Amino acid sequence: MTSSAAPQHMVTRFAPSPTGRLHVGHGWSALLAHDMARASMGTFCLRIEDIDGTRSRPEHVEGIVEDLNWLGIGWDGDIIFQSQRLDRYNAALDRLREEDLLYPCFCTRADIQASMIAPHGPEGPVYPGACRTLDDAQRVRRMEAGEPHAWRIDVAAATARVGTLHWNALPFPLDAKAEPQPVLAAPTVHGDVVLARKDAPASYHLSCTLDDAAMAVSHVLRGDDLRGATDIHRLLQALLGLPSPVYIHHPLLVGADGRRLAKRDGSLALAELRESGVDPAALADALRAGRFPVGIRPASA
C-alpha cells in the first residue's frame, strides 16, 4: 500500500514595524496572509518588529492592534515582539563571527555614497567592501577605541561555503492549485549586507530570518520590494541550518502620483478611514477583491 506524507500545517504571519499607523497597503497584505492561513485551517501570527530604537513607539503598537481588530483580522497566540528576542540574534551573530563570515564595518553613509566605483544591485548601490580588507589588528584597534560599527556578512565567502541555493515561490494572485517553483537565489548581487546595524542589534535580514524559523512560518507573503531580500534570507537559512518557507510576493500599492504607499509620506491610513466612518467589513471585502480606495492601485496595474 502506498502512503503519502501528511500535508504541511500552514503558518503565515504579518510583521509590521511600529513606526507609524498602518496604511491601506498594510491592511491588504495582512488580509491576504490572514485569509491564506484561514483557508487552509492554518495558523496566522502577528509579529511586531520593534528593534529600531529610534523610530519604534509603544503607541504605534497599540495602533496596529486597533487597526487589525477594526478590519476583523484576528491572530493566533501571543504577539511576538522582536525586542524580546535579542539573545537569539546575538547568538546567531556570534556563530557567524566564529565562522569568519562577519566583519566590522566602520563606514558611514557618506563614505559609501562617496565611492563612485560601487556597483548597483536590485536595491541600489552595493557596499564597495572597504572594511572587508582591514586586517585584524586594525579592526581590534578601532573597536577598542569605541568607533561605531556595523557587522557585515562576507557574502562571497558565505556563498562559496553553501553553494548554489534556490528558494521556493508561489505566484500572485494566489492559486490554490499552484505548486511552489524553485527560484535561483543570487545573494552576491546584493553585496556584503549589514546583519547588525550601528543603531540596532540586528538588521531586518537577520531578525526576520531567525523569527520566521522560530515561529515555524511555512509561507511568507510580503511585498515585491522584499523579493531581493529573499536571496539573502535563503543564504542565512543555509548557513544557520534553518528551514526555508515558501515565498509569495504581491505588488505594492501606489497612490495617484504613482509613488508607493509609505508611512513617512502620510499615505492613507486605516485610522483615517475609520474616523471618516468607512465600514470595516465592506473595506475588507473590497480589498480581498482587489478594489482599493480612490486613487490607490497595485503598482503593476
C-alpha atoms as a PDB file:
ATOM      1  CA  MET A   1       0.000   0.000   0.000  1.00  0.00           C
ATOM      2  CA  THR A   2       1.321   3.434  -0.937  1.00  0.00           C
ATOM      3  CA  SER A   3       1.340   6.077   1.779  1.00  0.00           C
ATOM      4  CA  SER A   4       1.529   9.805   1.257  1.00  0.00           C
ATOM      5  CA  ALA A   5       3.027  12.442   3.529  1.00  0.00           C
ATOM      6  CA  ALA A   6       0.650  14.439   5.658  1.00  0.00           C
ATOM      7  CA  PRO A   7       0.029  17.938   4.319  1.00  0.00           C
ATOM      8  CA  GLN A   8       2.112  20.666   5.916  1.00  0.00           C
ATOM      9  CA  HIS A   9       0.379  22.792   8.525  1.00  0.00           C
ATOM     10  CA  MET A  10       0.329  26.290   7.079  1.00  0.00           C
ATOM     11  CA  VAL A  11       1.656  29.140   9.196  1.00  0.00           C
ATOM     12  CA  THR A  12       1.611  32.701   7.877  1.00  0.00           C
ATOM     13  CA  ARG A  13       2.396  35.982   9.585  1.00  0.00           C
ATOM     14  CA  PHE A  14       2.070  39.742   9.420  1.00  0.00           C
ATOM     15  CA  ALA A  15       5.123  41.570  10.730  1.00  0.00           C
ATOM     16  CA  PRO A  16       4.812  45.371  10.823  1.00  0.00           C
ATOM     17  CA  SER A  17       7.224  47.830  12.403  1.00  0.00           C
ATOM     18  CA  PRO A  18       5.645  50.152  14.996  1.00  0.00           C
ATOM     19  CA  THR A  19       6.913  53.329  13.342  1.00  0.00           C
ATOM     20  CA  GLY A  20       3.547  54.804  12.348  1.00  0.00           C
ATOM     21  CA  ARG A  21      -0.087  53.971  11.619  1.00  0.00           C
ATOM     22  CA  LEU A  22      -0.892  51.191   9.169  1.00  0.00           C
ATOM     23  CA  HIS A  23      -1.922  52.334   5.698  1.00  0.00           C
ATOM     24  CA  VAL A  24      -4.183  50.617   3.180  1.00  0.00           C
ATOM     25  CA  GLY A  25      -1.299  48.598   1.755  1.00  0.00           C
ATOM     26  CA  HIS A  26      -0.547  47.126   5.163  1.00  0.00           C
ATOM     27  CA  GLY A  27      -4.196  46.226   5.612  1.00  0.00           C
ATOM     28  CA  TRP A  28      -4.297  44.491   2.234  1.00  0.00           C
ATOM     29  CA  SER A  29      -1.136  42.488   2.941  1.00  0.00           C
ATOM     30  CA  ALA A  30      -2.352  41.469   6.387  1.00  0.00           C
ATOM     31  CA  LEU A  31      -5.705  40.333   4.998  1.00  0.00           C
ATOM     32  CA  LEU A  32      -4.004  38.245   2.313  1.00  0.00           C
ATOM     33  CA  ALA A  33      -1.779  36.446   4.829  1.00  0.00           C
ATOM     34  CA  HIS A  34      -4.656  36.039   7.302  1.00  0.00           C
ATOM     35  CA  ASP A  35      -7.059  34.619   4.718  1.00  0.00           C
ATOM     36  CA  MET A  36      -4.417  32.298   3.275  1.00  0.00           C
ATOM     37  CA  ALA A  37      -3.942  30.661   6.660  1.00  0.00           C
ATOM     38  CA  ARG A  38      -7.633  30.530   7.475  1.00  0.00           C
ATOM     39  CA  ALA A  39      -8.488  28.914   4.121  1.00  0.00           C
ATOM     40  CA  SER A  40      -6.067  26.095   4.941  1.00  0.00           C
ATOM     41  CA  MET A  41      -7.102  25.701   8.580  1.00  0.00           C
ATOM     42  CA  GLY A  42      -3.666  27.015   9.419  1.00  0.00           C
ATOM     43  CA  THR A  43      -2.158  29.497  11.856  1.00  0.00           C
ATOM     44  CA  PHE A  44      -1.842  33.244  11.419  1.00  0.00           C
ATOM     45  CA  CYS A  45       0.674  35.068  13.635  1.00  0.00           C
ATOM     46  CA  LEU A  46       1.383  38.688  14.436  1.00  0.00           C
ATOM     47  CA  ARG A  47       4.961  39.810  14.958  1.00  0.00           C
ATOM     48  CA  ILE A  48       5.982  43.339  15.914  1.00  0.00           C
ATOM     49  CA  GLU A  49       9.397  44.274  14.532  1.00  0.00           C
ATOM     50  CA  ASP A  50      10.285  46.789  17.213  1.00  0.00           C
ATOM     51  CA  ILE A  51      14.082  46.817  17.403  1.00  0.00           C
ATOM     52  CA  ASP A  52      14.529  50.142  15.648  1.00  0.00           C
ATOM     53  CA  GLY A  53      15.006  52.119  18.828  1.00  0.00           C
ATOM     54  CA  THR A  54      14.983  55.479  17.075  1.00  0.00           C
ATOM     55  CA  ARG A  55      11.551  55.101  15.460  1.00  0.00           C
ATOM     56  CA  SER A  56       9.579  52.351  17.249  1.00  0.00           C
ATOM     57  CA  ARG A  57       6.879  53.658  19.580  1.00  0.00           C
ATOM     58  CA  PRO A  58       4.531  51.828  22.029  1.00  0.00           C
ATOM     59  CA  GLU A  59       1.593  53.933  20.824  1.00  0.00           C
ATOM     60  CA  HIS A  60       2.130  52.599  17.302  1.00  0.00           C
ATOM     61  CA  VAL A  61       1.899  49.027  18.630  1.00  0.00           C
ATOM     62  CA  GLU A  62      -1.479  49.939  20.091  1.00  0.00           C
ATOM     63  CA  GLY A  63      -2.453  51.466  16.747  1.00  0.00           C
ATOM     64  CA  ILE A  64      -1.506  48.299  14.862  1.00  0.00           C
ATOM     65  CA  VAL A  65      -3.639  46.161  17.165  1.00  0.00           C
ATOM     66  CA  GLU A  66      -6.517  48.627  16.887  1.00  0.00           C
ATOM     67  CA  ASP A  67      -6.332  48.735  13.076  1.00  0.00           C
ATOM     68  CA  LEU A  68      -6.195  44.953  12.665  1.00  0.00           C
ATOM     69  CA  ASN A  69      -9.092  44.421  15.061  1.00  0.00           C
ATOM     70  CA  TRP A  70     -11.096  47.043  13.171  1.00  0.00           C
ATOM     71  CA  LEU A  71     -10.542  45.186   9.895  1.00  0.00           C
ATOM     72  CA  GLY A  72     -11.631  41.931  11.511  1.00  0.00           C
ATOM     73  CA  ILE A  73      -8.188  40.341  11.452  1.00  0.00           C
ATOM     74  CA  GLY A  74      -7.506  38.046  14.384  1.00  0.00           C
ATOM     75  CA  TRP A  75      -4.241  36.237  15.085  1.00  0.00           C
ATOM     76  CA  ASP A  76      -3.336  33.044  16.890  1.00  0.00           C
ATOM     77  CA  GLY A  77      -1.324  33.000  20.092  1.00  0.00           C
ATOM     78  CA  ASP A  78       0.509  35.864  21.700  1.00  0.00           C
ATOM     79  CA  ILE A  79       2.011  38.732  19.754  1.00  0.00           C
ATOM     80  CA  ILE A  80       5.725  38.167  19.139  1.00  0.00           C
ATOM     81  CA  PHE A  81       7.972  41.150  19.880  1.00  0.00           C
ATOM     82  CA  GLN A  82      11.433  41.218  18.351  1.00  0.00           C
ATOM     83  CA  SER A  83      12.681  43.319  21.264  1.00  0.00           C
ATOM     84  CA  GLN A  84      12.235  40.219  23.438  1.00  0.00           C
ATOM     85  CA  ARG A  85      14.388  38.057  21.160  1.00  0.00           C
ATOM     86  CA  LEU A  86      17.711  39.910  21.176  1.00  0.00           C
ATOM     87  CA  ASP A  87      19.561  36.952  22.690  1.00  0.00           C
ATOM     88  CA  ARG A  88      18.628  34.846  19.657  1.00  0.00           C
ATOM     89  CA  TYR A  89      20.040  37.453  17.285  1.00  0.00           C
ATOM     90  CA  ASN A  90      23.235  37.793  19.311  1.00  0.00           C
ATOM     91  CA  ALA A  91      23.740  34.025  19.311  1.00  0.00           C
ATOM     92  CA  ALA A  92      23.420  33.874  15.524  1.00  0.00           C
ATOM     93  CA  LEU A  93      25.833  36.773  15.100  1.00  0.00           C
ATOM     94  CA  ASP A  94      28.327  35.063  17.398  1.00  0.00           C
ATOM     95  CA  ARG A  95      28.065  31.872  15.379  1.00  0.00           C
ATOM     96  CA  LEU A  96      28.686  33.661  12.085  1.00  0.00           C
ATOM     97  CA  ARG A  97      31.590  35.605  13.590  1.00  0.00           C
ATOM     98  CA  GLU A  98      33.161  32.364  14.852  1.00  0.00           C
ATOM     99  CA  GLU A  99      32.917  31.033  11.311  1.00  0.00           C
ATOM    100  CA  ASP A 100      34.758  34.131   9.987  1.00  0.00           C
ATOM    101  CA  LEU A 101      31.797  35.202   7.897  1.00  0.00           C
ATOM    102  CA  LEU A 102      31.251  38.618   9.511  1.00  0.00           C
ATOM    103  CA  TYR A 103      33.437  41.689   9.702  1.00  0.00           C
ATOM    104  CA  PRO A 104      33.026  45.063  11.421  1.00  0.00           C
ATOM    105  CA  CYS A 105      32.254  47.965   9.098  1.00  0.00           C
ATOM    106  CA  PHE A 106      33.152  51.489  10.221  1.00  0.00           C
ATOM    107  CA  CYS A 107      31.959  53.244   7.059  1.00  0.00           C
ATOM    108  CA  THR A 108      29.374  55.993   7.259  1.00  0.00           C
ATOM    109  CA  ARG A 109      26.616  56.501   4.721  1.00  0.00           C
ATOM    110  CA  ALA A 110      28.638  59.379   3.313  1.00  0.00           C
ATOM    111  CA  ASP A 111      31.698  57.132   2.917  1.00  0.00           C
ATOM    112  CA  ILE A 112      29.685  54.621   0.920  1.00  0.00           C
ATOM    113  CA  GLN A 113      27.959  57.221  -1.245  1.00  0.00           C
ATOM    114  CA  ALA A 114      31.318  58.862  -1.969  1.00  0.00           C
ATOM    115  CA  SER A 115      32.596  55.663  -3.560  1.00  0.00           C
ATOM    116  CA  MET A 116      31.959  56.174  -7.249  1.00  0.00           C
ATOM    117  CA  ILE A 117      33.098  52.648  -8.089  1.00  0.00           C
ATOM    118  CA  ALA A 118      30.330  50.993  -6.104  1.00  0.00           C
ATOM    119  CA  PRO A 119      28.221  48.751  -8.386  1.00  0.00           C
ATOM    120  CA  HIS A 120      24.458  48.760  -8.168  1.00  0.00           C
ATOM    121  CA  GLY A 121      22.272  45.867  -7.115  1.00  0.00           C
ATOM    122  CA  PRO A 122      18.496  45.423  -7.048  1.00  0.00           C
ATOM    123  CA  GLU A 123      18.155  47.857  -4.131  1.00  0.00           C
ATOM    124  CA  GLY A 124      20.720  50.480  -5.112  1.00  0.00           C
ATOM    125  CA  PRO A 125      24.472  50.873  -4.585  1.00  0.00           C
ATOM    126  CA  VAL A 126      26.248  47.766  -3.324  1.00  0.00           C
ATOM    127  CA  TYR A 127      28.704  48.191  -0.467  1.00  0.00           C
ATOM    128  CA  PRO A 128      32.193  48.533  -2.019  1.00  0.00           C
ATOM    129  CA  GLY A 129      33.853  46.371   0.631  1.00  0.00           C
ATOM    130  CA  ALA A 130      36.269  48.911   2.067  1.00  0.00           C
ATOM    131  CA  CYS A 131      36.268  47.434   5.578  1.00  0.00           C
ATOM    132  CA  ARG A 132      36.463  43.850   4.352  1.00  0.00           C
ATOM    133  CA  THR A 133      40.162  44.351   3.595  1.00  0.00           C
ATOM    134  CA  LEU A 134      41.110  45.682   7.054  1.00  0.00           C
ATOM    135  CA  ASP A 135      43.427  43.378   8.951  1.00  0.00           C
ATOM    136  CA  ASP A 136      42.562  42.031  12.393  1.00  0.00           C
ATOM    137  CA  ALA A 137      44.826  44.483  14.203  1.00  0.00           C
ATOM    138  CA  GLN A 138      43.114  47.465  12.567  1.00  0.00           C
ATOM    139  CA  ARG A 139      39.685  46.109  13.392  1.00  0.00           C
ATOM    140  CA  VAL A 140      40.540  45.463  17.043  1.00  0.00           C
ATOM    141  CA  ARG A 141      42.160  48.874  17.462  1.00  0.00           C
ATOM    142  CA  ARG A 142      39.161  50.716  16.041  1.00  0.00           C
ATOM    143  CA  MET A 143      36.629  48.696  18.034  1.00  0.00           C
ATOM    144  CA  GLU A 144      38.566  49.136  21.277  1.00  0.00           C
ATOM    145  CA  ALA A 145      38.606  52.867  20.573  1.00  0.00           C
ATOM    146  CA  GLY A 146      34.815  52.763  20.602  1.00  0.00           C
ATOM    147  CA  GLU A 147      34.406  53.616  16.939  1.00  0.00           C
ATOM    148  CA  PRO A 148      30.788  52.974  15.860  1.00  0.00           C
ATOM    149  CA  HIS A 149      30.498  49.988  13.546  1.00  0.00           C
ATOM    150  CA  ALA A 150      28.036  47.654  11.943  1.00  0.00           C
ATOM    151  CA  TRP A 151      28.597  43.970  11.186  1.00  0.00           C
ATOM    152  CA  ARG A 152      28.506  42.877   7.567  1.00  0.00           C
ATOM    153  CA  ILE A 153      28.435  39.397   6.118  1.00  0.00           C
ATOM    154  CA  ASP A 154      31.111  38.451   3.607  1.00  0.00           C
ATOM    155  CA  VAL A 155      28.601  37.292   1.022  1.00  0.00           C
ATOM    156  CA  ALA A 156      31.178  35.854  -1.385  1.00  0.00           C
ATOM    157  CA  ALA A 157      32.719  33.702   1.338  1.00  0.00           C
ATOM    158  CA  ALA A 158      29.315  32.662   2.648  1.00  0.00           C
ATOM    159  CA  THR A 159      28.048  31.741  -0.806  1.00  0.00           C
ATOM    160  CA  ALA A 160      31.183  29.738  -1.529  1.00  0.00           C
ATOM    161  CA  ARG A 161      30.549  27.761   1.637  1.00  0.00           C
ATOM    162  CA  VAL A 162      26.936  26.777   0.910  1.00  0.00           C
ATOM    163  CA  GLY A 163      26.990  26.581  -2.902  1.00  0.00           C
ATOM    164  CA  THR A 164      24.066  27.184  -5.228  1.00  0.00           C
ATOM    165  CA  LEU A 165      20.775  27.905  -3.498  1.00  0.00           C
ATOM    166  CA  HIS A 166      17.127  28.163  -4.525  1.00  0.00           C
ATOM    167  CA  TRP A 167      14.046  29.456  -2.749  1.00  0.00           C
ATOM    168  CA  ASN A 168      10.507  28.244  -3.383  1.00  0.00           C
ATOM    169  CA  ALA A 169       7.967  30.676  -4.820  1.00  0.00           C
ATOM    170  CA  LEU A 170       4.221  30.683  -5.373  1.00  0.00           C
ATOM    171  CA  PRO A 171       2.681  33.082  -7.901  1.00  0.00           C
ATOM    172  CA  PHE A 172       0.466  36.030  -7.116  1.00  0.00           C
ATOM    173  CA  PRO A 173      -2.532  36.228  -7.352  1.00  0.00           C
ATOM    174  CA  LEU A 174      -2.769  33.170  -5.166  1.00  0.00           C
ATOM    175  CA  ASP A 175      -3.821  29.950  -6.853  1.00  0.00           C
ATOM    176  CA  ALA A 176      -4.816  27.027  -4.623  1.00  0.00           C
ATOM    177  CA  LYS A 177      -3.698  24.574  -7.325  1.00  0.00           C
ATOM    178  CA  ALA A 178      -0.268  26.097  -7.908  1.00  0.00           C
ATOM    179  CA  GLU A 179       2.836  24.234  -6.815  1.00  0.00           C
ATOM    180  CA  PRO A 180       5.895  26.060  -5.460  1.00  0.00           C
ATOM    181  CA  GLN A 181       8.561  26.634  -8.074  1.00  0.00           C
ATOM    182  CA  PRO A 182      12.304  26.946  -7.366  1.00  0.00           C
ATOM    183  CA  VAL A 183      13.899  30.340  -7.935  1.00  0.00           C
ATOM    184  CA  LEU A 184      17.665  30.677  -8.142  1.00  0.00           C
ATOM    185  CA  ALA A 185      18.961  32.729  -5.219  1.00  0.00           C
ATOM    186  CA  ALA A 186      21.524  35.383  -6.132  1.00  0.00           C
ATOM    187  CA  PRO A 187      22.824  36.767  -2.814  1.00  0.00           C
ATOM    188  CA  THR A 188      26.103  38.045  -4.274  1.00  0.00           C
ATOM    189  CA  VAL A 189      24.362  40.760  -6.315  1.00  0.00           C
ATOM    190  CA  HIS A 190      23.398  42.458  -3.028  1.00  0.00           C
ATOM    191  CA  GLY A 191      26.960  42.740  -1.768  1.00  0.00           C
ATOM    192  CA  ASP A 192      28.012  42.451   1.864  1.00  0.00           C
ATOM    193  CA  VAL A 193      24.767  43.417   3.563  1.00  0.00           C
ATOM    194  CA  VAL A 194      24.528  44.543   7.180  1.00  0.00           C
ATOM    195  CA  LEU A 195      23.385  41.960   9.737  1.00  0.00           C
ATOM    196  CA  ALA A 196      23.790  44.164  12.830  1.00  0.00           C
ATOM    197  CA  ARG A 197      23.430  47.922  12.461  1.00  0.00           C
ATOM    198  CA  LYS A 198      25.257  50.599  14.406  1.00  0.00           C
ATOM    199  CA  ASP A 199      21.956  51.710  15.938  1.00  0.00           C
ATOM    200  CA  ALA A 200      20.103  48.380  16.170  1.00  0.00           C
ATOM    201  CA  PRO A 201      21.041  44.916  17.474  1.00  0.00           C
ATOM    202  CA  ALA A 202      20.079  43.130  14.268  1.00  0.00           C
ATOM    203  CA  SER A 203      19.152  44.012  10.715  1.00  0.00           C
ATOM    204  CA  TYR A 204      15.888  43.134   9.056  1.00  0.00           C
ATOM    205  CA  HIS A 205      17.631  40.328   7.174  1.00  0.00           C
ATOM    206  CA  LEU A 206      18.851  38.539  10.285  1.00  0.00           C
ATOM    207  CA  SER A 207      15.909  39.133  12.622  1.00  0.00           C
ATOM    208  CA  CYS A 208      13.287  38.232  10.014  1.00  0.00           C
ATOM    209  CA  THR A 209      15.071  35.027   9.001  1.00  0.00           C
ATOM    210  CA  LEU A 210      15.516  33.844  12.581  1.00  0.00           C
ATOM    211  CA  ASP A 211      11.986  34.756  13.647  1.00  0.00           C
ATOM    212  CA  ASP A 212      10.265  33.099  10.700  1.00  0.00           C
ATOM    213  CA  ALA A 213      12.106  29.882  11.527  1.00  0.00           C
ATOM    214  CA  ALA A 214      11.357  30.098  15.259  1.00  0.00           C
ATOM    215  CA  MET A 215       7.673  30.725  14.534  1.00  0.00           C
ATOM    216  CA  ALA A 216       7.556  27.761  12.099  1.00  0.00           C
ATOM    217  CA  VAL A 217       6.307  30.074   9.350  1.00  0.00           C
ATOM    218  CA  SER A 218       5.642  27.936   6.292  1.00  0.00           C
ATOM    219  CA  HIS A 219       4.512  30.668   3.873  1.00  0.00           C
ATOM    220  CA  VAL A 220       5.824  34.228   3.778  1.00  0.00           C
ATOM    221  CA  LEU A 221       3.558  36.644   1.935  1.00  0.00           C
ATOM    222  CA  ARG A 222       5.059  40.109   1.535  1.00  0.00           C
ATOM    223  CA  GLY A 223       5.544  42.957  -0.931  1.00  0.00           C
ATOM    224  CA  ASP A 224       7.524  42.933  -4.155  1.00  0.00           C
ATOM    225  CA  ASP A 225      10.019  45.343  -2.606  1.00  0.00           C
ATOM    226  CA  LEU A 226      11.323  42.449  -0.498  1.00  0.00           C
ATOM    227  CA  ARG A 227      11.767  39.987  -3.347  1.00  0.00           C
ATOM    228  CA  GLY A 228      15.500  40.696  -3.479  1.00  0.00           C
ATOM    229  CA  ALA A 229      15.821  40.290   0.292  1.00  0.00           C
ATOM    230  CA  THR A 230      14.737  36.684  -0.131  1.00  0.00           C
ATOM    231  CA  ASP A 231      18.121  35.893  -1.693  1.00  0.00           C
ATOM    232  CA  ILE A 232      19.883  36.985   1.499  1.00  0.00           C
ATOM    233  CA  HIS A 233      17.366  35.228   3.726  1.00  0.00           C
ATOM    234  CA  ARG A 234      17.896  31.985   1.840  1.00  0.00           C
ATOM    235  CA  LEU A 235      21.654  32.333   2.334  1.00  0.00           C
ATOM    236  CA  LEU A 236      21.235  32.845   6.074  1.00  0.00           C
ATOM    237  CA  GLN A 237      18.906  29.862   6.295  1.00  0.00           C
ATOM    238  CA  ALA A 238      21.566  27.672   4.694  1.00  0.00           C
ATOM    239  CA  LEU A 239      24.349  28.995   6.936  1.00  0.00           C
ATOM    240  CA  LEU A 240      22.347  28.616  10.149  1.00  0.00           C
ATOM    241  CA  GLY A 241      20.627  25.325   9.312  1.00  0.00           C
ATOM    242  CA  LEU A 242      17.133  26.821   9.217  1.00  0.00           C
ATOM    243  CA  PRO A 243      14.119  25.706   7.159  1.00  0.00           C
ATOM    244  CA  SER A 244      13.142  27.758   4.130  1.00  0.00           C
ATOM    245  CA  PRO A 245       9.482  28.797   3.779  1.00  0.00           C
ATOM    246  CA  VAL A 246       7.556  29.237   0.555  1.00  0.00           C
ATOM    247  CA  TYR A 247       7.526  32.877  -0.571  1.00  0.00           C
ATOM    248  CA  ILE A 248       4.746  34.846  -2.248  1.00  0.00           C
ATOM    249  CA  HIS A 249       5.413  38.449  -3.288  1.00  0.00           C
ATOM    250  CA  HIS A 250       2.459  40.701  -4.001  1.00  0.00           C
ATOM    251  CA  PRO A 251       2.504  44.057  -5.838  1.00  0.00           C
ATOM    252  CA  LEU A 252       2.956  47.215  -3.829  1.00  0.00           C
ATOM    253  CA  LEU A 253       0.131  49.720  -3.759  1.00  0.00           C
ATOM    254  CA  VAL A 254       0.761  53.177  -5.159  1.00  0.00           C
ATOM    255  CA  GLY A 255      -1.120  56.455  -4.895  1.00  0.00           C
ATOM    256  CA  ALA A 256      -2.452  58.709  -7.619  1.00  0.00           C
ATOM    257  CA  ASP A 257       1.056  60.129  -8.077  1.00  0.00           C
ATOM    258  CA  GLY A 258       2.465  56.666  -8.775  1.00  0.00           C
ATOM    259  CA  ARG A 259       4.516  56.638  -5.587  1.00  0.00           C
ATOM    260  CA  ARG A 260       4.348  53.591  -3.335  1.00  0.00           C
ATOM    261  CA  LEU A 261       2.353  53.950  -0.143  1.00  0.00           C
ATOM    262  CA  ALA A 262       4.604  54.644   2.826  1.00  0.00           C
ATOM    263  CA  LYS A 263       4.114  55.735   6.433  1.00  0.00           C
ATOM    264  CA  ARG A 264       6.690  58.507   6.104  1.00  0.00           C
ATOM    265  CA  ASP A 265       4.766  60.050   3.201  1.00  0.00           C
ATOM    266  CA  GLY A 266       1.485  60.221   5.084  1.00  0.00           C
ATOM    267  CA  SER A 267      -0.240  57.616   2.898  1.00  0.00           C
ATOM    268  CA  LEU A 268      -3.921  56.922   3.525  1.00  0.00           C
ATOM    269  CA  ALA A 269      -4.050  55.356   6.979  1.00  0.00           C
ATOM    270  CA  LEU A 270      -6.607  52.831   8.143  1.00  0.00           C
ATOM    271  CA  ALA A 271      -7.220  55.112  11.124  1.00  0.00           C
ATOM    272  CA  GLU A 272      -8.287  57.891   8.741  1.00  0.00           C
ATOM    273  CA  LEU A 273     -10.782  55.591   7.049  1.00  0.00           C
ATOM    274  CA  ARG A 274     -12.163  54.520  10.414  1.00  0.00           C
ATOM    275  CA  GLU A 275     -12.529  58.128  11.555  1.00  0.00           C
ATOM    276  CA  SER A 276     -14.340  59.009   8.327  1.00  0.00           C
ATOM    277  CA  GLY A 277     -16.970  56.345   9.000  1.00  0.00           C
ATOM    278  CA  VAL A 278     -15.898  53.682   6.499  1.00  0.00           C
ATOM    279  CA  ASP A 279     -17.492  50.294   7.161  1.00  0.00           C
ATOM    280  CA  PRO A 280     -14.571  47.934   8.003  1.00  0.00           C
ATOM    281  CA  ALA A 281     -16.305  44.785   6.750  1.00  0.00           C
ATOM    282  CA  ALA A 282     -17.049  46.436   3.411  1.00  0.00           C
ATOM    283  CA  LEU A 283     -13.467  47.700   3.175  1.00  0.00           C
ATOM    284  CA  ALA A 284     -12.052  44.250   3.950  1.00  0.00           C
ATOM    285  CA  ASP A 285     -14.260  42.632   1.300  1.00  0.00           C
ATOM    286  CA  ALA A 286     -13.207  45.276  -1.232  1.00  0.00           C
ATOM    287  CA  LEU A 287      -9.512  44.746  -0.505  1.00  0.00           C
ATOM    288  CA  ARG A 288      -9.917  40.997  -0.832  1.00  0.00           C
ATOM    289  CA  ALA A 289     -11.498  41.566  -4.244  1.00  0.00           C
ATOM    290  CA  GLY A 290      -8.679  43.870  -5.312  1.00  0.00           C
ATOM    291  CA  ARG A 291     -10.735  47.059  -5.079  1.00  0.00           C
ATOM    292  CA  PHE A 292      -8.954  49.930  -3.406  1.00  0.00           C
ATOM    293  CA  PRO A 293      -9.908  53.432  -2.257  1.00  0.00           C
ATOM    294  CA  VAL A 294      -9.965  56.074  -4.975  1.00  0.00           C
ATOM    295  CA  GLY A 295      -6.501  56.898  -6.275  1.00  0.00           C
ATOM    296  CA  ILE A 296      -4.854  53.720  -4.971  1.00  0.00           C
ATOM    297  CA  ARG A 297      -3.883  50.823  -7.217  1.00  0.00           C
ATOM    298  CA  PRO A 298      -1.334  47.990  -7.458  1.00  0.00           C
ATOM    299  CA  ALA A 299       1.976  49.150  -8.921  1.00  0.00           C
ATOM    300  CA  SER A 300       1.723  46.618 -11.740  1.00  0.00           C
ATOM    301  CA  ALA A 301      -1.791  47.740 -12.778  1.00  0.00           C
END
